[in-house]
C-alpha atoms as a PDB file:
ATOM      1  CA  GLN A   1      12.909   9.623   2.375  1.00  0.00           C
ATOM      2  CA  SER A   2      10.173   9.174  -0.301  1.00  0.00           C
ATOM      3  CA  ILE A   3      12.937   8.054  -2.910  1.00  0.00           C
ATOM      4  CA  VAL A   4      12.952   4.517  -3.116  1.00  0.00           C
ATOM      5  CA  PRO A   5      15.364   2.438  -5.370  1.00  0.00           C
ATOM      6  CA  VAL A   6      13.753  -0.406  -7.319  1.00  0.00           C
ATOM      7  CA  ALA A   7      16.247  -2.464  -9.769  1.00  0.00           C
ATOM      8  CA  ASN A   8      17.510   0.237 -12.112  1.00  0.00           C
ATOM      9  CA  ASP A   9      14.668   2.884 -11.538  1.00  0.00           C
ATOM     10  CA  LEU A  10      13.963   5.336  -8.768  1.00  0.00           C
ATOM     11  CA  LEU A  11      10.723   6.023  -7.258  1.00  0.00           C
ATOM     12  CA  PHE A  12       9.906   9.396  -5.608  1.00  0.00           C
ATOM     13  CA  TRP A  13       7.094  11.662  -4.527  1.00  0.00           C
ATOM     14  CA  ASP A  14       6.428  15.109  -5.249  1.00  0.00           C
ATOM     15  CA  TYR A  15       3.368  17.374  -4.522  1.00  0.00           C
ATOM     16  CA  PHE A  16       1.578  15.911  -7.749  1.00  0.00           C
ATOM     17  CA  GLY A  17       2.210  12.252  -6.886  1.00  0.00           C
ATOM     18  CA  VAL A  18       4.292   9.271  -7.258  1.00  0.00           C
ATOM     19  CA  HIS A  19       7.015   9.284 -10.112  1.00  0.00           C
ATOM     20  CA  SER A  20       9.531   6.859 -11.878  1.00  0.00           C
ATOM     21  CA  LEU A  21      12.716   8.237 -12.659  1.00  0.00           C
ATOM     22  CA  ASP A  22      13.449   5.599 -15.243  1.00  0.00           C
ATOM     23  CA  ALA A  23      10.017   6.274 -17.074  1.00  0.00           C
ATOM     24  CA  THR A  24      10.781  10.145 -16.970  1.00  0.00           C
ATOM     25  CA  ALA A  25      14.090   9.514 -18.663  1.00  0.00           C
ATOM     26  CA  LYS A  26      12.745   6.893 -21.227  1.00  0.00           C
ATOM     27  CA  PHE A  27       9.848   9.075 -22.348  1.00  0.00           C
ATOM     28  CA  GLY A  28      11.618  12.434 -22.067  1.00  0.00           C
ATOM     29  CA  ASP A  29       8.358  13.775 -20.523  1.00  0.00           C
ATOM     30  CA  TYR A  30       7.165  14.441 -16.863  1.00  0.00           C
ATOM     31  CA  VAL A  31       3.790  13.138 -17.356  1.00  0.00           C
ATOM     32  CA  PRO A  32       3.890   9.737 -18.642  1.00  0.00           C
ATOM     33  CA  SER A  33       5.934   9.014 -15.620  1.00  0.00           C
ATOM     34  CA  TYR A  34       3.154   9.585 -13.190  1.00  0.00           C
ATOM     35  CA  LEU A  35       2.659   5.965 -11.362  1.00  0.00           C
ATOM     36  CA  SER A  36       0.068   7.207  -8.930  1.00  0.00           C
ATOM     37  CA  ALA A  37      -2.294   7.933 -11.898  1.00  0.00           C
ATOM     38  CA  PRO A  38      -4.773   5.252 -10.730  1.00  0.00           C
ATOM     39  CA  ILE A  39      -5.117   7.033  -7.137  1.00  0.00           C
ATOM     40  CA  GLU A  40      -4.896  10.549  -8.132  1.00  0.00           C
ATOM     41  CA  ALA A  41      -7.698  11.466  -6.255  1.00  0.00           C
ATOM     42  CA  LEU A  42      -5.828  10.887  -3.065  1.00  0.00           C
ATOM     43  CA  PHE A  43      -3.544  13.845  -3.673  1.00  0.00           C
ATOM     44  CA  GLY A  44      -6.241  16.339  -3.685  1.00  0.00           C
ATOM     45  CA  HIS A  45      -5.621  17.669  -6.963  1.00  0.00           C
ATOM     46  CA  GLU A  46      -9.459  18.590  -7.497  1.00  0.00           C
ATOM     47  CA  ALA A  47     -11.157  18.832  -4.260  1.00  0.00           C
ATOM     48  CA  LEU A  48      -9.610  17.902  -0.867  1.00  0.00           C
ATOM     49  CA  THR A  49     -11.839  14.897   1.236  1.00  0.00           C
ATOM     50  CA  ALA A  50     -11.403  13.002   3.949  1.00  0.00           C
ATOM     51  CA  PHE A  51      -9.527  10.539   2.185  1.00  0.00           C
ATOM     52  CA  SER A  52      -7.030  12.961   0.739  1.00  0.00           C
ATOM     53  CA  LEU A  53      -3.392  13.130   1.467  1.00  0.00           C
ATOM     54  CA  ASN A  54      -1.909  15.952   3.591  1.00  0.00           C
ATOM     55  CA  ARG A  55       0.179  17.742   0.933  1.00  0.00           C
ATOM     56  CA  GLU A  56       2.179  20.196   3.149  1.00  0.00           C
ATOM     57  CA  GLN A  57       3.464  16.720   5.038  1.00  0.00           C
ATOM     58  CA  PHE A  58       4.811  15.363   2.080  1.00  0.00           C
ATOM     59  CA  PRO A  59       8.566  16.138   3.106  1.00  0.00           C
ATOM     60  CA  PHE A  60       7.470  13.462   5.929  1.00  0.00           C
ATOM     61  CA  VAL A  61       6.682  10.666   3.583  1.00  0.00           C
ATOM     62  CA  CYS A  62       8.738   7.699   4.405  1.00  0.00           C
ATOM     63  CA  GLY A  63       9.257   4.523   1.910  1.00  0.00           C
ATOM     64  CA  MET A  64      10.888   1.371   1.376  1.00  0.00           C
ATOM     65  CA  HIS A  65      11.254  -1.259  -1.253  1.00  0.00           C
ATOM     66  CA  ILE A  66      10.342  -4.898  -0.120  1.00  0.00           C
ATOM     67  CA  PRO A  67      11.662  -6.676  -2.970  1.00  0.00           C
ATOM     68  CA  TYR A  68      10.394 -10.218  -2.164  1.00  0.00           C
ATOM     69  CA  TYR A  69       6.758  -9.148  -2.277  1.00  0.00           C
ATOM     70  CA  ARG A  70       7.551  -6.929  -4.971  1.00  0.00           C
ATOM     71  CA  ILE A  71       6.006  -4.032  -3.507  1.00  0.00           C
ATOM     72  CA  VAL A  72       7.129  -0.576  -2.524  1.00  0.00           C
ATOM     73  CA  VAL A  73       5.526   1.072   0.769  1.00  0.00           C
ATOM     74  CA  TRP A  74       5.267   4.673   1.615  1.00  0.00           C
ATOM     75  CA  GLY A  75       3.911   6.071   5.170  1.00  0.00           C
ATOM     76  CA  CYS A  76       2.094   9.251   4.715  1.00  0.00           C
ATOM     77  CA  ARG A  77      -0.456  11.426   6.275  1.00  0.00           C
ATOM     78  CA  LEU A  78      -4.085  12.198   5.702  1.00  0.00           C
ATOM     79  CA  VAL A  79      -5.433  15.802   5.366  1.00  0.00           C
ATOM     80  CA  GLY A  80      -5.476  17.334   9.193  1.00  0.00           C
ATOM     81  CA  VAL A  81      -3.230  14.849  10.397  1.00  0.00           C
ATOM     82  CA  SER A  82       0.547  15.673  11.650  1.00  0.00           C
ATOM     83  CA  ALA A  83       1.912  11.903  11.631  1.00  0.00           C
ATOM     84  CA  ASN A  84       1.877   9.099   9.089  1.00  0.00           C
ATOM     85  CA  ASN A  85      -1.404   7.420   9.250  1.00  0.00           C
ATOM     86  CA  ARG A  86      -1.784   5.551   6.002  1.00  0.00           C
ATOM     87  CA  THR A  87       0.362   3.161   4.109  1.00  0.00           C
ATOM     88  CA  LEU A  88       0.153   3.450   0.319  1.00  0.00           C
ATOM     89  CA  VAL A  89       1.445   0.124  -1.257  1.00  0.00           C
ATOM     90  CA  TYR A  90       2.483   0.110  -4.961  1.00  0.00           C
ATOM     91  CA  HIS A  91       2.403  -3.475  -6.346  1.00  0.00           C
ATOM     92  CA  TYR A  92       4.851  -3.408  -9.474  1.00  0.00           C
ATOM     93  CA  GLY A  93       4.900  -7.257  -9.743  1.00  0.00           C
ATOM     94  CA  PHE A  94       1.820  -7.549 -11.735  1.00  0.00           C
ATOM     95  CA  PRO A  95       1.616  -6.971 -15.705  1.00  0.00           C
ATOM     96  CA  GLU A  96      -0.148  -3.778 -14.889  1.00  0.00           C
ATOM     97  CA  PRO A  97       0.717  -2.289 -11.472  1.00  0.00           C
ATOM     98  CA  ARG A  98      -1.588  -1.854  -8.804  1.00  0.00           C
ATOM     99  CA  TRP A  99      -2.153   0.053  -5.536  1.00  0.00           C
ATOM    100  CA  SER A 100      -3.568  -0.583  -2.130  1.00  0.00           C
ATOM    101  CA  ILE A 101      -3.977   1.186   1.236  1.00  0.00           C
ATOM    102  CA  LEU A 102      -3.085  -0.018   4.670  1.00  0.00           C
ATOM    103  CA  ASP A 103      -4.209   1.765   7.564  1.00  0.00           C
ATOM    104  CA  LYS A 104      -3.149  -0.464  10.306  1.00  0.00           C
ATOM    105  CA  PHE A 105      -0.213   1.394  11.807  1.00  0.00           C
ATOM    106  CA  SER A 106       1.616   4.752  12.004  1.00  0.00           C
ATOM    107  CA  PRO A 107       4.920   4.127   9.846  1.00  0.00           C
ATOM    108  CA  ALA A 108       7.291   6.802  10.953  1.00  0.00           C
ATOM    109  CA  SER A 109      10.357   4.588   9.640  1.00  0.00           C
ATOM    110  CA  TRP A 110      10.971   1.452   7.875  1.00  0.00           C
ATOM    111  CA  ALA A 111      13.634  -1.563   8.048  1.00  0.00           C
ATOM    112  CA  MET A 112      14.605  -4.980   6.797  1.00  0.00           C
ATOM    113  CA  VAL A 113      15.994  -6.722   9.652  1.00  0.00           C
ATOM    114  CA  TYR A 114      17.902 -10.064   9.751  1.00  0.00           C
ATOM    115  CA  ALA A 115      16.966 -12.381  12.493  1.00  0.00           C
ATOM    116  CA  ALA A 116      19.327 -15.412  13.719  1.00  0.00           C
ATOM    117  CA  GLY A 117      18.489 -18.558  12.069  1.00  0.00           C
ATOM    118  CA  VAL A 118      16.338 -16.529   9.211  1.00  0.00           C
ATOM    119  CA  LEU A 119      17.434 -16.470   5.725  1.00  0.00           C
ATOM    120  CA  SER A 120      15.065 -13.816   4.281  1.00  0.00           C
ATOM    121  CA  PRO A 121      15.109 -10.578   6.216  1.00  0.00           C
ATOM    122  CA  LYS A 122      12.040  -9.205   7.858  1.00  0.00           C
ATOM    123  CA  VAL A 123       9.950  -6.053   7.541  1.00  0.00           C
ATOM    124  CA  TRP A 124       9.573  -3.680  10.410  1.00  0.00           C
ATOM    125  CA  THR A 125       8.103  -0.420  11.250  1.00  0.00           C
ATOM    126  CA  GLY A 126       8.660   2.119  13.685  1.00  0.00           C
ATOM    127  CA  ASP A 127       5.735   4.304  15.101  1.00  0.00           C
ATOM    128  CA  TYR A 128       5.627   7.587  16.944  1.00  0.00           C
ATOM    129  CA  THR A 129       5.406   6.001  20.424  1.00  0.00           C
ATOM    130  CA  GLY A 130       8.888   4.207  20.384  1.00  0.00           C
ATOM    131  CA  PHE A 131       7.328   1.097  19.535  1.00  0.00           C
ATOM    132  CA  ALA A 132       8.554  -1.418  16.271  1.00  0.00           C
ATOM    133  CA  TYR A 133       6.253  -3.658  14.688  1.00  0.00           C
ATOM    134  CA  GLN A 134       7.330  -6.889  12.721  1.00  0.00           C
ATOM    135  CA  LEU A 135       4.763  -6.769   9.897  1.00  0.00           C
ATOM    136  CA  ASP A 136       5.615  -9.894   7.708  1.00  0.00           C
ATOM    137  CA  ILE A 137       5.663 -12.620  10.644  1.00  0.00           C
ATOM    138  CA  HIS A 138       4.239 -15.835   8.789  1.00  0.00           C
ATOM    139  CA  GLY A 139       5.610 -19.181  10.625  1.00  0.00           C
ATOM    140  CA  THR A 140       6.433 -17.219  13.636  1.00  0.00           C
ATOM    141  CA  SER A 141       4.775 -17.851  17.142  1.00  0.00           C
ATOM    142  CA  GLN A 142       3.497 -13.952  17.186  1.00  0.00           C
ATOM    143  CA  TYR A 143       0.621 -12.343  15.807  1.00  0.00           C
ATOM    144  CA  ASP A 144      -0.902  -8.932  17.243  1.00  0.00           C
ATOM    145  CA  VAL A 145      -0.908  -5.517  16.139  1.00  0.00           C
ATOM    146  CA  ASP A 146      -2.291  -3.831  19.387  1.00  0.00           C
ATOM    147  CA  GLY A 147      -4.895  -6.727  19.288  1.00  0.00           C
ATOM    148  CA  VAL A 148      -7.175  -4.562  16.889  1.00  0.00           C
ATOM    149  CA  THR A 149      -9.279  -6.490  14.307  1.00  0.00           C
ATOM    150  CA  SER A 150      -8.172  -5.693  10.653  1.00  0.00           C
ATOM    151  CA  THR A 151     -10.615  -4.578   7.711  1.00  0.00           C
ATOM    152  CA  MET A 152      -9.527  -4.771   4.487  1.00  0.00           C
ATOM    153  CA  THR A 153     -11.869  -3.566   1.630  1.00  0.00           C
ATOM    154  CA  TRP A 154     -11.048  -4.408  -2.322  1.00  0.00           C
ATOM    155  CA  ALA A 155     -12.164  -2.601  -5.308  1.00  0.00           C
ATOM    156  CA  ILE A 156     -12.147  -4.134  -8.560  1.00  0.00           C
ATOM    157  CA  PRO A 157     -10.700  -1.677 -11.156  1.00  0.00           C
ATOM    158  CA  PRO A 158     -12.548  -0.427 -14.199  1.00  0.00           C
ATOM    159  CA  ILE A 159     -12.912  -2.852 -17.383  1.00  0.00           C
ATOM    160  CA  CYS A 160     -10.649  -0.940 -19.736  1.00  0.00           C
ATOM    161  CA  PHE A 161     -10.647  -3.095 -22.924  1.00  0.00           C
ATOM    162  CA  ASP A 162     -12.840  -2.637 -25.838  1.00  0.00           C
ATOM    163  CA  ASN A 163     -14.683   0.854 -26.715  1.00  0.00           C
ATOM    164  CA  PRO A 164     -14.143   3.039 -23.663  1.00  0.00           C
ATOM    165  CA  PHE A 165     -17.504   4.740 -24.308  1.00  0.00           C
ATOM    166  CA  VAL A 166     -19.590   1.548 -23.993  1.00  0.00           C
ATOM    167  CA  ASP A 167     -20.500   0.314 -20.431  1.00  0.00           C
ATOM    168  CA  LYS A 168     -19.356  -3.155 -19.791  1.00  0.00           C
ATOM    169  CA  THR A 169     -21.060  -5.854 -17.136  1.00  0.00           C
ATOM    170  CA  LEU A 170     -18.649  -7.730 -14.976  1.00  0.00           C
ATOM    171  CA  VAL A 171     -20.102 -11.306 -14.833  1.00  0.00           C
ATOM    172  CA  GLU A 172     -17.714 -12.873 -12.415  1.00  0.00           C
ATOM    173  CA  ALA A 173     -14.633 -12.199 -10.279  1.00  0.00           C
ATOM    174  CA  ARG A 174     -12.587 -13.813  -7.700  1.00  0.00           C
ATOM    175  CA  LEU A 175     -10.692 -12.504  -4.891  1.00  0.00           C
ATOM    176  CA  ASP A 176      -7.817 -14.326  -3.111  1.00  0.00           C
ATOM    177  CA  THR A 177      -6.550 -13.981   0.211  1.00  0.00           C
ATOM    178  CA  ASP A 178      -4.600 -16.058   2.632  1.00  0.00           C
ATOM    179  CA  HIS A 179      -4.722 -15.900   6.402  1.00  0.00           C
ATOM    180  CA  SER A 180      -3.097 -17.996   8.846  1.00  0.00           C
ATOM    181  CA  LEU A 181      -3.112 -18.303  12.880  1.00  0.00           C
ATOM    182  CA  SER A 182      -0.475 -19.270  14.985  1.00  0.00           C
ATOM    183  CA  GLN A 183      -0.756 -22.528  17.017  1.00  0.00           C
ATOM    184  CA  GLY A 184      -3.081 -22.105  19.845  1.00  0.00           C
ATOM    185  CA  MET A 185      -4.466 -19.074  18.397  1.00  0.00           C
ATOM    186  CA  ALA A 186      -8.141 -18.667  17.027  1.00  0.00           C
ATOM    187  CA  GLY A 187      -9.631 -16.114  14.724  1.00  0.00           C
ATOM    188  CA  THR A 188     -12.518 -15.352  12.549  1.00  0.00           C
ATOM    189  CA  PHE A 189     -12.807 -14.097   9.124  1.00  0.00           C
ATOM    190  CA  TYR A 190     -15.720 -12.257   7.842  1.00  0.00           C
ATOM    191  CA  TRP A 191     -16.738 -10.924   4.469  1.00  0.00           C
ATOM    192  CA  LYS A 192     -19.339  -9.138   2.698  1.00  0.00           C
ATOM    193  CA  ARG A 193     -19.942  -8.254  -1.404  1.00  0.00           C
ATOM    194  CA  ASP A 194     -21.213  -4.795  -1.764  1.00  0.00           C
ATOM    195  CA  ALA A 195     -24.671  -4.640   0.165  1.00  0.00           C
ATOM    196  CA  ALA A 196     -24.798  -8.504   0.218  1.00  0.00           C
ATOM    197  CA  THR A 197     -25.330 -10.270   3.745  1.00  0.00           C
ATOM    198  CA  GLN A 198     -22.310 -10.594   5.756  1.00  0.00           C
ATOM    199  CA  GLN A 199     -21.011 -14.177   6.053  1.00  0.00           C
ATOM    200  CA  SER A 200     -18.151 -15.681   8.091  1.00  0.00           C
END
């Protein structure tokens, strides 16, 4: 279930990480197709941590391509867990593809579902309790994932230009995020940069 078609490419998992079949064919070598190199620590190659993925449970990884967001999602499991409790998101739409993590739900399956009167399909995931959740619900009257607060953490990637042996200083950075609430709903958005005081 980890094999996901993306255009003329196939993305897939093995015990070493996430790979591209197209890149493997083009480069004639296994290593250059290693898409998950930026997050290889999660795969526990060197030492297992609480953030490592459960490699013994990789046969239960499930993935899906969401073309209009230009992402691929995979449900997987952390060390010591026997049900998918982490979602890795591969953002291939950037000039340099990026990764992010979602821990909001337990994806046992994925589906793209067309609803009456809606032109584009919606993303749904099924969990291990028999419930299914619609994930991209912009413009609808429902917004609830068990009524639990969502927490997002951004990490700015290393500055990789110029001499790699000279430290660089990041002077300014900007993060953009879009949050919307349904009519009649209320909510609070909090943010904090490093160890600074939290604001809302």
